[in-house]
Amino acid sequence: MRLHSAVAAAGGALMLVLAVPGSASAATGQFRYSYKTADGYEAVGFINNPESRRCIDIQGAGSDGTSAAYAPKNLTDATATVFLEAGCTGDAFYSLRPGAGASERLLVRSVVFS
């Protein structure tokens, strides 16, 4: 009788584990960047705990088709690959290791984390 109860309990626990969806993979930390507002003021934007392997268009950058964010700082625990074009496309891209940053000369409009 005890064996039957133990098997039933183990089976129930297994079903519960399989029924609970896994959490999406995410980088831990913050990605920061600077950009100019429409009024010409310098601003700092950030992305907290970004989802991994999903392209993120940087808010405030390139919405007018001409400006881009700059001086990215990858304060996450994943590698960030930044792109000059929106949608993580184009030949102009650069990888930032965890904890690394780039100068104001590096222009970015999108980013994806490993």
Protein backbone atom coordinates (compact mmCIF):
# COMPACT_ATOMS: atom_id res chain seq x y z
CA MET A 1 0.00 0.00 0.00
CA ARG A 2 2.87 2.41 0.83
CA LEU A 3 4.55 1.73 -2.51
CA HIS A 4 1.33 2.54 -4.35
CA SER A 5 1.00 5.86 -2.47
CA ALA A 6 4.63 6.77 -3.12
CA VAL A 7 4.27 6.05 -6.85
CA ALA A 8 1.05 8.07 -7.01
CA ALA A 9 2.70 11.01 -5.19
CA ALA A 10 5.75 10.89 -7.47
CA GLY A 11 3.53 10.75 -10.55
CA GLY A 12 1.52 13.73 -9.32
CA ALA A 13 4.67 15.74 -8.68
CA LEU A 14 5.98 14.92 -12.15
CA MET A 15 2.70 16.05 -13.74
CA LEU A 16 2.88 19.33 -11.80
CA VAL A 17 6.45 19.99 -12.96
CA LEU A 18 5.51 19.32 -16.57
CA ALA A 19 2.41 21.55 -16.35
CA VAL A 20 4.27 24.64 -15.08
CA PRO A 21 5.71 26.61 -18.01
CA GLY A 22 9.40 27.46 -17.87
CA SER A 23 10.44 31.09 -17.64
CA ALA A 24 11.91 32.83 -20.67
CA SER A 25 15.66 33.13 -20.73
CA ALA A 26 16.76 36.64 -19.88
CA ALA A 27 19.98 38.51 -19.32
CA THR A 28 20.30 39.84 -15.79
CA GLY A 29 21.24 43.48 -15.38
CA GLN A 30 20.85 46.71 -17.29
CA PHE A 31 21.79 47.92 -20.78
CA ARG A 32 22.28 51.71 -20.95
CA TYR A 33 22.63 54.11 -23.86
CA SER A 34 22.53 57.85 -24.55
CA TYR A 35 20.45 59.63 -27.18
CA LYS A 36 19.29 63.10 -28.19
CA THR A 37 15.63 63.97 -27.66
CA ALA A 38 13.55 65.65 -30.36
CA ASP A 39 14.27 68.95 -28.54
CA GLY A 40 18.02 68.34 -28.74
CA TYR A 41 18.56 67.41 -25.09
CA GLU A 42 20.81 64.52 -24.12
CA ALA A 43 18.98 61.67 -22.41
CA VAL A 44 19.89 58.26 -21.01
CA GLY A 45 17.80 55.21 -21.78
CA PHE A 46 18.00 51.73 -20.34
CA ILE A 47 16.67 48.21 -20.73
CA ASN A 48 16.36 46.11 -17.56
CA ASN A 49 16.79 42.31 -17.63
CA PRO A 50 16.33 42.02 -21.42
CA GLU A 51 15.01 38.84 -22.98
CA SER A 52 17.73 36.74 -24.60
CA ARG A 53 17.85 35.99 -28.33
CA ARG A 54 15.17 38.56 -29.18
CA CYS A 55 15.92 41.71 -31.15
CA ILE A 56 15.08 44.90 -29.26
CA ASP A 57 14.74 48.21 -31.11
CA ILE A 58 16.15 50.91 -28.86
CA GLN A 59 13.49 53.37 -27.70
CA GLY A 60 14.23 57.00 -28.53
CA ALA A 61 16.75 56.07 -31.21
CA GLY A 62 16.07 56.50 -34.87
CA SER A 63 12.37 57.25 -34.53
CA ASP A 64 12.89 60.20 -36.90
CA GLY A 65 14.99 58.10 -39.28
CA THR A 66 18.19 60.09 -38.72
CA SER A 67 19.31 59.97 -35.10
CA ALA A 68 20.69 56.93 -33.32
CA ALA A 69 21.56 56.10 -29.74
CA TYR A 70 25.24 56.13 -28.80
CA ALA A 71 27.70 55.20 -26.05
CA PRO A 72 26.08 51.86 -25.13
CA LYS A 73 27.02 50.20 -21.84
CA ASN A 74 26.31 46.51 -21.33
CA LEU A 75 25.84 46.03 -17.59
CA THR A 76 24.17 42.64 -18.05
CA ASP A 77 25.59 39.15 -17.64
CA ALA A 78 25.19 38.36 -21.37
CA THR A 79 26.96 39.49 -24.52
CA ALA A 80 25.08 42.30 -26.29
CA THR A 81 25.34 42.65 -30.05
CA VAL A 82 24.34 46.16 -31.13
CA PHE A 83 23.33 47.13 -34.66
CA LEU A 84 23.29 50.44 -36.49
CA GLU A 85 19.99 49.50 -38.14
CA ALA A 86 16.64 48.76 -36.48
CA GLY A 87 15.52 45.15 -36.43
CA CYS A 88 19.05 43.86 -35.74
CA THR A 89 19.84 44.00 -39.45
CA GLY A 90 22.62 45.34 -41.60
CA ASP A 91 26.35 44.87 -41.86
CA ALA A 92 27.21 47.39 -39.12
CA PHE A 93 27.21 45.64 -35.73
CA TYR A 94 29.43 45.39 -32.66
CA SER A 95 29.55 42.95 -29.71
CA LEU A 96 29.86 44.16 -26.13
CA ARG A 97 30.98 41.68 -23.47
CA PRO A 98 29.23 41.75 -20.09
CA GLY A 99 30.35 44.89 -18.24
CA ALA A 100 31.77 46.56 -21.38
CA GLY A 101 30.89 49.90 -22.89
CA ALA A 102 31.67 51.82 -26.05
CA SER A 103 32.39 55.43 -26.90
CA GLU A 104 29.98 58.05 -28.20
CA ARG A 105 31.16 57.20 -31.72
CA LEU A 106 29.34 53.84 -31.67
CA LEU A 107 25.82 54.48 -32.99
CA VAL A 108 23.08 51.93 -32.29
CA ARG A 109 19.42 51.42 -33.11
CA SER A 110 18.85 47.82 -31.99
CA VAL A 111 20.38 45.15 -29.75
CA VAL A 112 20.17 41.40 -29.15
CA PHE A 113 21.51 39.55 -26.08
CA SER A 114 23.05 36.06 -26.09
